[in-house]
Amino acid sequence: MRKRIDSMLNLLIGSTLGVFIGKSTYDFWDYKSHPTIYEIQSAPWYTAILLYGAVCAFILLVAVIAKFTLKRKQKHQCCDE
């Protein structure tokens, strides 16, 4: 069961990074293709990337903490037997 949870956490980390990289790349490409649309906005063009980055960082932090907790419990359980 722990191996399955670890695999799911790895999938969550990988997909989160993939979505962030893909969304950031698309936003940059869209800005380079249509700069006049972004000139009208009051916020800089990269505001969406910063917001996605903060959300992704939070998700990654939670997933990494869960992985370390899982490893720690597995290590202590292994030594107690």
PDB file of N, CA and C in Angstrom:
ATOM      1  N   MET A   1       0.830  -1.196   0.000  1.00  0.00           N
ATOM      2  CA  MET A   1       0.000   0.000   0.000  1.00  0.00           C
ATOM      3  C   MET A   1       0.877   1.263   0.000  1.00  0.00           C
ATOM      4  N   ARG A   2       1.961   1.234   0.764  1.00  0.00           N
ATOM      5  CA  ARG A   2       2.838   2.413   0.815  1.00  0.00           C
ATOM      6  C   ARG A   2       3.537   2.642  -0.513  1.00  0.00           C
ATOM      7  N   LYS A   3       3.864   1.560  -1.191  1.00  0.00           N
ATOM      8  CA  LYS A   3       4.493   1.703  -2.498  1.00  0.00           C
ATOM      9  C   LYS A   3       3.527   2.354  -3.486  1.00  0.00           C
ATOM     10  N   ARG A   4       2.270   2.025  -3.377  1.00  0.00           N
ATOM     11  CA  ARG A   4       1.247   2.605  -4.247  1.00  0.00           C
ATOM     12  C   ARG A   4       1.069   4.102  -3.947  1.00  0.00           C
ATOM     13  N   ILE A   5       1.073   4.455  -2.678  1.00  0.00           N
ATOM     14  CA  ILE A   5       0.963   5.867  -2.300  1.00  0.00           C
ATOM     15  C   ILE A   5       2.191   6.635  -2.783  1.00  0.00           C
ATOM     16  N   ASP A   6       3.365   6.027  -2.653  1.00  0.00           N
ATOM     17  CA  ASP A   6       4.592   6.669  -3.129  1.00  0.00           C
ATOM     18  C   ASP A   6       4.533   6.881  -4.642  1.00  0.00           C
ATOM     19  N   SER A   7       4.023   5.910  -5.363  1.00  0.00           N
ATOM     20  CA  SER A   7       3.887   6.054  -6.818  1.00  0.00           C
ATOM     21  C   SER A   7       2.897   7.164  -7.170  1.00  0.00           C
ATOM     22  N   MET A   8       1.823   7.257  -6.416  1.00  0.00           N
ATOM     23  CA  MET A   8       0.839   8.309  -6.661  1.00  0.00           C
ATOM     24  C   MET A   8       1.424   9.684  -6.371  1.00  0.00           C
ATOM     25  N   LEU A   9       2.230   9.785  -5.327  1.00  0.00           N
ATOM     26  CA  LEU A   9       2.882  11.061  -5.018  1.00  0.00           C
ATOM     27  C   LEU A   9       3.892  11.438  -6.107  1.00  0.00           C
ATOM     28  N   ASN A  10       4.615  10.447  -6.623  1.00  0.00           N
ATOM     29  CA  ASN A  10       5.539  10.716  -7.725  1.00  0.00           C
ATOM     30  C   ASN A  10       4.770  11.200  -8.960  1.00  0.00           C
ATOM     31  N   LEU A  11       3.638  10.596  -9.221  1.00  0.00           N
ATOM     32  CA  LEU A  11       2.802  11.016 -10.341  1.00  0.00           C
ATOM     33  C   LEU A  11       2.289  12.436 -10.130  1.00  0.00           C
ATOM     34  N   LEU A  12       1.890  12.753  -8.925  1.00  0.00           N
ATOM     35  CA  LEU A  12       1.414  14.104  -8.611  1.00  0.00           C
ATOM     36  C   LEU A  12       2.525  15.132  -8.806  1.00  0.00           C
ATOM     37  N   ILE A  13       3.721  14.819  -8.346  1.00  0.00           N
ATOM     38  CA  ILE A  13       4.849  15.739  -8.489  1.00  0.00           C
ATOM     39  C   ILE A  13       5.191  15.942  -9.963  1.00  0.00           C
ATOM     40  N   GLY A  14       5.270  14.855 -10.702  1.00  0.00           N
ATOM     41  CA  GLY A  14       5.611  14.950 -12.120  1.00  0.00           C
ATOM     42  C   GLY A  14       4.561  15.683 -12.935  1.00  0.00           C
ATOM     43  N   SER A  15       3.300  15.394 -12.677  1.00  0.00           N
ATOM     44  CA  SER A  15       2.246  16.057 -13.445  1.00  0.00           C
ATOM     45  C   SER A  15       2.135  17.531 -13.075  1.00  0.00           C
ATOM     46  N   THR A  16       2.350  17.857 -11.823  1.00  0.00           N
ATOM     47  CA  THR A  16       2.317  19.260 -11.412  1.00  0.00           C
ATOM     48  C   THR A  16       3.419  20.055 -12.104  1.00  0.00           C
ATOM     49  N   LEU A  17       4.614  19.496 -12.123  1.00  0.00           N
ATOM     50  CA  LEU A  17       5.721  20.165 -12.814  1.00  0.00           C
ATOM     51  C   LEU A  17       5.448  20.273 -14.317  1.00  0.00           C
ATOM     52  N   GLY A  18       4.897  19.223 -14.907  1.00  0.00           N
ATOM     53  CA  GLY A  18       4.593  19.239 -16.328  1.00  0.00           C
ATOM     54  C   GLY A  18       3.552  20.277 -16.697  1.00  0.00           C
ATOM     55  N   VAL A  19       2.505  20.371 -15.889  1.00  0.00           N
ATOM     56  CA  VAL A  19       1.467  21.368 -16.142  1.00  0.00           C
ATOM     57  C   VAL A  19       2.031  22.775 -15.987  1.00  0.00           C
ATOM     58  N   PHE A  20       2.852  22.981 -14.969  1.00  0.00           N
ATOM     59  CA  PHE A  20       3.442  24.307 -14.772  1.00  0.00           C
ATOM     60  C   PHE A  20       4.340  24.702 -15.939  1.00  0.00           C
ATOM     61  N   ILE A  21       5.184  23.802 -16.377  1.00  0.00           N
ATOM     62  CA  ILE A  21       6.082  24.099 -17.495  1.00  0.00           C
ATOM     63  C   ILE A  21       5.283  24.344 -18.775  1.00  0.00           C
ATOM     64  N   GLY A  22       4.279  23.514 -19.018  1.00  0.00           N
ATOM     65  CA  GLY A  22       3.459  23.686 -20.215  1.00  0.00           C
ATOM     66  C   GLY A  22       2.674  24.978 -20.208  1.00  0.00           C
ATOM     67  N   LYS A  23       2.060  25.302 -19.095  1.00  0.00           N
ATOM     68  CA  LYS A  23       1.274  26.537 -18.984  1.00  0.00           C
ATOM     69  C   LYS A  23       2.175  27.760 -19.098  1.00  0.00           C
ATOM     70  N   SER A  24       3.330  27.718 -18.477  1.00  0.00           N
ATOM     71  CA  SER A  24       4.262  28.847 -18.553  1.00  0.00           C
ATOM     72  C   SER A  24       4.760  29.047 -19.983  1.00  0.00           C
ATOM     73  N   THR A  25       5.074  27.962 -20.650  1.00  0.00           N
ATOM     74  CA  THR A  25       5.530  28.044 -22.041  1.00  0.00           C
ATOM     75  C   THR A  25       4.440  28.617 -22.931  1.00  0.00           C
ATOM     76  N   TYR A  26       3.207  28.151 -22.735  1.00  0.00           N
ATOM     77  CA  TYR A  26       2.097  28.667 -23.544  1.00  0.00           C
ATOM     78  C   TYR A  26       1.868  30.156 -23.267  1.00  0.00           C
ATOM     79  N   ASP A  27       1.888  30.557 -22.011  1.00  0.00           N
ATOM     80  CA  ASP A  27       1.689  31.973 -21.684  1.00  0.00           C
ATOM     81  C   ASP A  27       2.768  32.849 -22.311  1.00  0.00           C
ATOM     82  N   PHE A  28       4.018  32.389 -22.282  1.00  0.00           N
ATOM     83  CA  PHE A  28       5.106  33.151 -22.882  1.00  0.00           C
ATOM     84  C   PHE A  28       4.930  33.240 -24.402  1.00  0.00           C
ATOM     85  N   TRP A  29       4.591  32.122 -25.021  1.00  0.00           N
ATOM     86  CA  TRP A  29       4.362  32.113 -26.467  1.00  0.00           C
ATOM     87  C   TRP A  29       3.207  33.033 -26.844  1.00  0.00           C
ATOM     88  N   ASP A  30       2.126  32.988 -26.054  1.00  0.00           N
ATOM     89  CA  ASP A  30       0.968  33.837 -26.333  1.00  0.00           C
ATOM     90  C   ASP A  30       1.330  35.314 -26.177  1.00  0.00           C
ATOM     91  N   TYR A  31       2.134  35.625 -25.191  1.00  0.00           N
ATOM     92  CA  TYR A  31       2.574  37.007 -25.002  1.00  0.00           C
ATOM     93  C   TYR A  31       3.421  37.479 -26.183  1.00  0.00           C
ATOM     94  N   LYS A  32       4.328  36.617 -26.653  1.00  0.00           N
ATOM     95  CA  LYS A  32       5.182  36.990 -27.787  1.00  0.00           C
ATOM     96  C   LYS A  32       4.358  37.106 -29.077  1.00  0.00           C
ATOM     97  N   SER A  33       3.293  36.312 -29.212  1.00  0.00           N
ATOM     98  CA  SER A  33       2.475  36.341 -30.420  1.00  0.00           C
ATOM     99  C   SER A  33       1.490  37.502 -30.437  1.00  0.00           C
ATOM    100  N   HIS A  34       0.955  37.859 -29.273  1.00  0.00           N
ATOM    101  CA  HIS A  34      -0.077  38.896 -29.186  1.00  0.00           C
ATOM    102  C   HIS A  34       0.263  39.915 -28.100  1.00  0.00           C
ATOM    103  N   PRO A  35       1.306  40.683 -28.252  1.00  0.00           N
ATOM    104  CA  PRO A  35       1.695  41.616 -27.182  1.00  0.00           C
ATOM    105  C   PRO A  35       0.694  42.754 -26.974  1.00  0.00           C
ATOM    106  N   THR A  36      -0.068  43.101 -27.999  1.00  0.00           N
ATOM    107  CA  THR A  36      -1.012  44.222 -27.846  1.00  0.00           C
ATOM    108  C   THR A  36      -2.148  43.877 -26.886  1.00  0.00           C
ATOM    109  N   ILE A  37      -2.525  42.624 -26.828  1.00  0.00           N
ATOM    110  CA  ILE A  37      -3.583  42.215 -25.886  1.00  0.00           C
ATOM    111  C   ILE A  37      -3.111  42.428 -24.455  1.00  0.00           C
ATOM    112  N   TYR A  38      -1.859  42.127 -24.190  1.00  0.00           N
ATOM    113  CA  TYR A  38      -1.326  42.235 -22.837  1.00  0.00           C
ATOM    114  C   TYR A  38      -1.006  43.673 -22.441  1.00  0.00           C
ATOM    115  N   GLU A  39      -0.855  44.556 -23.420  1.00  0.00           N
ATOM    116  CA  GLU A  39      -0.610  45.965 -23.102  1.00  0.00           C
ATOM    117  C   GLU A  39      -1.844  46.622 -22.490  1.00  0.00           C
ATOM    118  N   ILE A  40      -3.007  46.122 -22.801  1.00  0.00           N
ATOM    119  CA  ILE A  40      -4.258  46.691 -22.300  1.00  0.00           C
ATOM    120  C   ILE A  40      -4.446  46.374 -20.810  1.00  0.00           C
ATOM    121  N   GLN A  41      -3.949  45.222 -20.375  1.00  0.00           N
ATOM    122  CA  GLN A  41      -4.137  44.792 -18.990  1.00  0.00           C
ATOM    123  C   GLN A  41      -3.309  45.643 -18.034  1.00  0.00           C
ATOM    124  N   SER A  42      -3.827  45.801 -16.826  1.00  0.00           N
ATOM    125  CA  SER A  42      -3.093  46.574 -15.826  1.00  0.00           C
ATOM    126  C   SER A  42      -1.991  45.752 -15.161  1.00  0.00           C
ATOM    127  N   ALA A  43      -2.164  44.432 -15.131  1.00  0.00           N
ATOM    128  CA  ALA A  43      -1.159  43.556 -14.524  1.00  0.00           C
ATOM    129  C   ALA A  43      -0.132  43.138 -15.577  1.00  0.00           C
ATOM    130  N   PRO A  44       1.086  42.827 -15.169  1.00  0.00           N
ATOM    131  CA  PRO A  44       2.085  42.348 -16.128  1.00  0.00           C
ATOM    132  C   PRO A  44       1.659  41.008 -16.750  1.00  0.00           C
ATOM    133  N   TRP A  45       2.221  40.693 -17.882  1.00  0.00           N
ATOM    134  CA  TRP A  45       1.828  39.480 -18.599  1.00  0.00           C
ATOM    135  C   TRP A  45       2.176  38.210 -17.835  1.00  0.00           C
ATOM    136  N   TYR A  46       3.160  38.262 -16.973  1.00  0.00           N
ATOM    137  CA  TYR A  46       3.614  37.065 -16.267  1.00  0.00           C
ATOM    138  C   TYR A  46       2.897  36.841 -14.930  1.00  0.00           C
ATOM    139  N   THR A  47       1.867  37.594 -14.651  1.00  0.00           N
ATOM    140  CA  THR A  47       1.138  37.435 -13.387  1.00  0.00           C
ATOM    141  C   THR A  47       0.527  36.036 -13.268  1.00  0.00           C
ATOM    142  N   ALA A  48      -0.018  35.524 -14.361  1.00  0.00           N
ATOM    143  CA  ALA A  48      -0.605  34.181 -14.331  1.00  0.00           C
ATOM    144  C   ALA A  48       0.459  33.125 -14.041  1.00  0.00           C
ATOM    145  N   ILE A  49       1.657  33.325 -14.573  1.00  0.00           N
ATOM    146  CA  ILE A  49       2.737  32.368 -14.321  1.00  0.00           C
ATOM    147  C   ILE A  49       3.125  32.386 -12.842  1.00  0.00           C
ATOM    148  N   LEU A  50       3.175  33.573 -12.250  1.00  0.00           N
ATOM    149  CA  LEU A  50       3.500  33.668 -10.822  1.00  0.00           C
ATOM    150  C   LEU A  50       2.438  32.992  -9.962  1.00  0.00           C
ATOM    151  N   LEU A  51       1.177  33.180 -10.321  1.00  0.00           N
ATOM    152  CA  LEU A  51       0.089  32.553  -9.565  1.00  0.00           C
ATOM    153  C   LEU A  51       0.163  31.032  -9.690  1.00  0.00           C
ATOM    154  N   TYR A  52       0.323  30.530 -10.907  1.00  0.00           N
ATOM    155  CA  TYR A  52       0.460  29.087 -11.097  1.00  0.00           C
ATOM    156  C   TYR A  52       1.699  28.559 -10.380  1.00  0.00           C
ATOM    157  N   GLY A  53       2.767  29.331 -10.383  1.00  0.00           N
ATOM    158  CA  GLY A  53       3.976  28.914  -9.686  1.00  0.00           C
ATOM    159  C   GLY A  53       3.764  28.772  -8.192  1.00  0.00           C
ATOM    160  N   ALA A  54       3.021  29.694  -7.605  1.00  0.00           N
ATOM    161  CA  ALA A  54       2.743  29.623  -6.165  1.00  0.00           C
ATOM    162  C   ALA A  54       1.877  28.408  -5.832  1.00  0.00           C
ATOM    163  N   VAL A  55       0.872  28.153  -6.653  1.00  0.00           N
ATOM    164  CA  VAL A  55       0.003  26.990  -6.428  1.00  0.00           C
ATOM    165  C   VAL A  55       0.796  25.697  -6.601  1.00  0.00           C
ATOM    166  N   CYS A  56       1.597  25.629  -7.634  1.00  0.00           N
ATOM    167  CA  CYS A  56       2.415  24.436  -7.876  1.00  0.00           C
ATOM    168  C   CYS A  56       3.433  24.227  -6.759  1.00  0.00           C
ATOM    169  N   ALA A  57       4.029  25.295  -6.272  1.00  0.00           N
ATOM    170  CA  ALA A  57       4.988  25.183  -5.176  1.00  0.00           C
ATOM    171  C   ALA A  57       4.319  24.626  -3.922  1.00  0.00           C
ATOM    172  N   PHE A  58       3.092  25.068  -3.659  1.00  0.00           N
ATOM    173  CA  PHE A  58       2.363  24.552  -2.492  1.00  0.00           C
ATOM    174  C   PHE A  58       2.066  23.064  -2.653  1.00  0.00           C
ATOM    175  N   ILE A  59       1.599  22.674  -3.842  1.00  0.00           N
ATOM    176  CA  ILE A  59       1.294  21.258  -4.094  1.00  0.00           C
ATOM    177  C   ILE A  59       2.558  20.413  -3.979  1.00  0.00           C
ATOM    178  N   LEU A  60       3.654  20.903  -4.535  1.00  0.00           N
ATOM    179  CA  LEU A  60       4.911  20.162  -4.454  1.00  0.00           C
ATOM    180  C   LEU A  60       5.418  20.058  -3.022  1.00  0.00           C
ATOM    181  N   LEU A  61       5.277  21.121  -2.259  1.00  0.00           N
ATOM    182  CA  LEU A  61       5.696  21.098  -0.857  1.00  0.00           C
ATOM    183  C   LEU A  61       4.909  20.053  -0.066  1.00  0.00           C
ATOM    184  N   VAL A  62       3.605  20.020  -0.260  1.00  0.00           N
ATOM    185  CA  VAL A  62       2.773  19.038   0.439  1.00  0.00           C
ATOM    186  C   VAL A  62       3.146  17.618   0.019  1.00  0.00           C
ATOM    187  N   ALA A  63       3.363  17.405  -1.264  1.00  0.00           N
ATOM    188  CA  ALA A  63       3.704  16.066  -1.758  1.00  0.00           C
ATOM    189  C   ALA A  63       5.067  15.612  -1.241  1.00  0.00           C
ATOM    190  N   VAL A  64       6.033  16.502  -1.222  1.00  0.00           N
ATOM    191  CA  VAL A  64       7.369  16.134  -0.735  1.00  0.00           C
ATOM    192  C   VAL A  64       7.342  15.852   0.761  1.00  0.00           C
ATOM    193  N   ILE A  65       6.600  16.630   1.518  1.00  0.00           N
ATOM    194  CA  ILE A  65       6.461  16.363   2.955  1.00  0.00           C
ATOM    195  C   ILE A  65       5.794  15.012   3.178  1.00  0.00           C
ATOM    196  N   ALA A  66       4.785  14.704   2.379  1.00  0.00           N
ATOM    197  CA  ALA A  66       4.113  13.404   2.498  1.00  0.00           C
ATOM    198  C   ALA A  66       5.081  12.267   2.162  1.00  0.00           C
ATOM    199  N   LYS A  67       5.912  12.447   1.150  1.00  0.00           N
ATOM    200  CA  LYS A  67       6.897  11.413   0.793  1.00  0.00           C
ATOM    201  C   LYS A  67       7.905  11.195   1.922  1.00  0.00           C
ATOM    202  N   PHE A  68       8.412  12.280   2.499  1.00  0.00           N
ATOM    203  CA  PHE A  68       9.373  12.137   3.596  1.00  0.00           C
ATOM    204  C   PHE A  68       8.721  11.486   4.816  1.00  0.00           C
ATOM    205  N   THR A  69       7.493  11.839   5.100  1.00  0.00           N
ATOM    206  CA  THR A  69       6.772  11.222   6.214  1.00  0.00           C
ATOM    207  C   THR A  69       6.571   9.732   5.960  1.00  0.00           C
ATOM    208  N   LEU A  70       6.220   9.396   4.744  1.00  0.00           N
ATOM    209  CA  LEU A  70       6.030   7.994   4.377  1.00  0.00           C
ATOM    210  C   LEU A  70       7.336   7.216   4.510  1.00  0.00           C
ATOM    211  N   LYS A  71       8.426   7.796   4.043  1.00  0.00           N
ATOM    212  CA  LYS A  71       9.740   7.139   4.158  1.00  0.00           C
ATOM    213  C   LYS A  71      10.148   6.962   5.615  1.00  0.00           C
ATOM    214  N   ARG A  72       9.898   7.993   6.417  1.00  0.00           N
ATOM    215  CA  ARG A  72      10.270   7.934   7.836  1.00  0.00           C
ATOM    216  C   ARG A  72       9.487   6.829   8.554  1.00  0.00           C
ATOM    217  N   LYS A  73       8.184   6.746   8.282  1.00  0.00           N
ATOM    218  CA  LYS A  73       7.369   5.700   8.914  1.00  0.00           C
ATOM    219  C   LYS A  73       7.816   4.324   8.454  1.00  0.00           C
ATOM    220  N   GLN A  74       8.152   4.207   7.181  1.00  0.00           N
ATOM    221  CA  GLN A  74       8.602   2.933   6.655  1.00  0.00           C
ATOM    222  C   GLN A  74       9.937   2.535   7.281  1.00  0.00           C
ATOM    223  N   LYS A  75      10.819   3.486   7.481  1.00  0.00           N
ATOM    224  CA  LYS A  75      12.125   3.213   8.072  1.00  0.00           C
ATOM    225  C   LYS A  75      11.981   2.772   9.526  1.00  0.00           C
ATOM    226  N   HIS A  76      11.125   3.457  10.288  1.00  0.00           N
ATOM    227  CA  HIS A  76      10.925   3.092  11.691  1.00  0.00           C
ATOM    228  C   HIS A  76      10.212   1.765  11.833  1.00  0.00           C
ATOM    229  N   GLN A  77       9.310   1.477  10.942  1.00  0.00           N
ATOM    230  CA  GLN A  77       8.586   0.221  11.008  1.00  0.00           C
ATOM    231  C   GLN A  77       9.504  -0.947  10.649  1.00  0.00           C
ATOM    232  N   CYS A  78      10.417  -0.709   9.736  1.00  0.00           N
ATOM    233  CA  CYS A  78      11.363  -1.735   9.329  1.00  0.00           C
ATOM    234  C   CYS A  78      12.295  -2.108  10.492  1.00  0.00           C
ATOM    235  N   CYS A  79      12.727  -1.120  11.236  1.00  0.00           N
ATOM    236  CA  CYS A  79      13.680  -1.358  12.321  1.00  0.00           C
ATOM    237  C   CYS A  79      13.000  -1.943  13.562  1.00  0.00           C
ATOM    238  N   ASP A  80      11.706  -1.712  13.734  1.00  0.00           N
ATOM    239  CA  ASP A  80      11.005  -2.209  14.911  1.00  0.00           C
ATOM    240  C   ASP A  80      10.720  -3.697  14.802  1.00  0.00           C
ATOM    241  N   GLU A  81      10.667  -4.236  13.611  1.00  0.00           N
ATOM    242  CA  GLU A  81      10.338  -5.638  13.448  1.00  0.00           C
ATOM    243  C   GLU A  81      11.483  -6.489  13.750  1.00  0.00           C
TER     244      GLU A  81
END
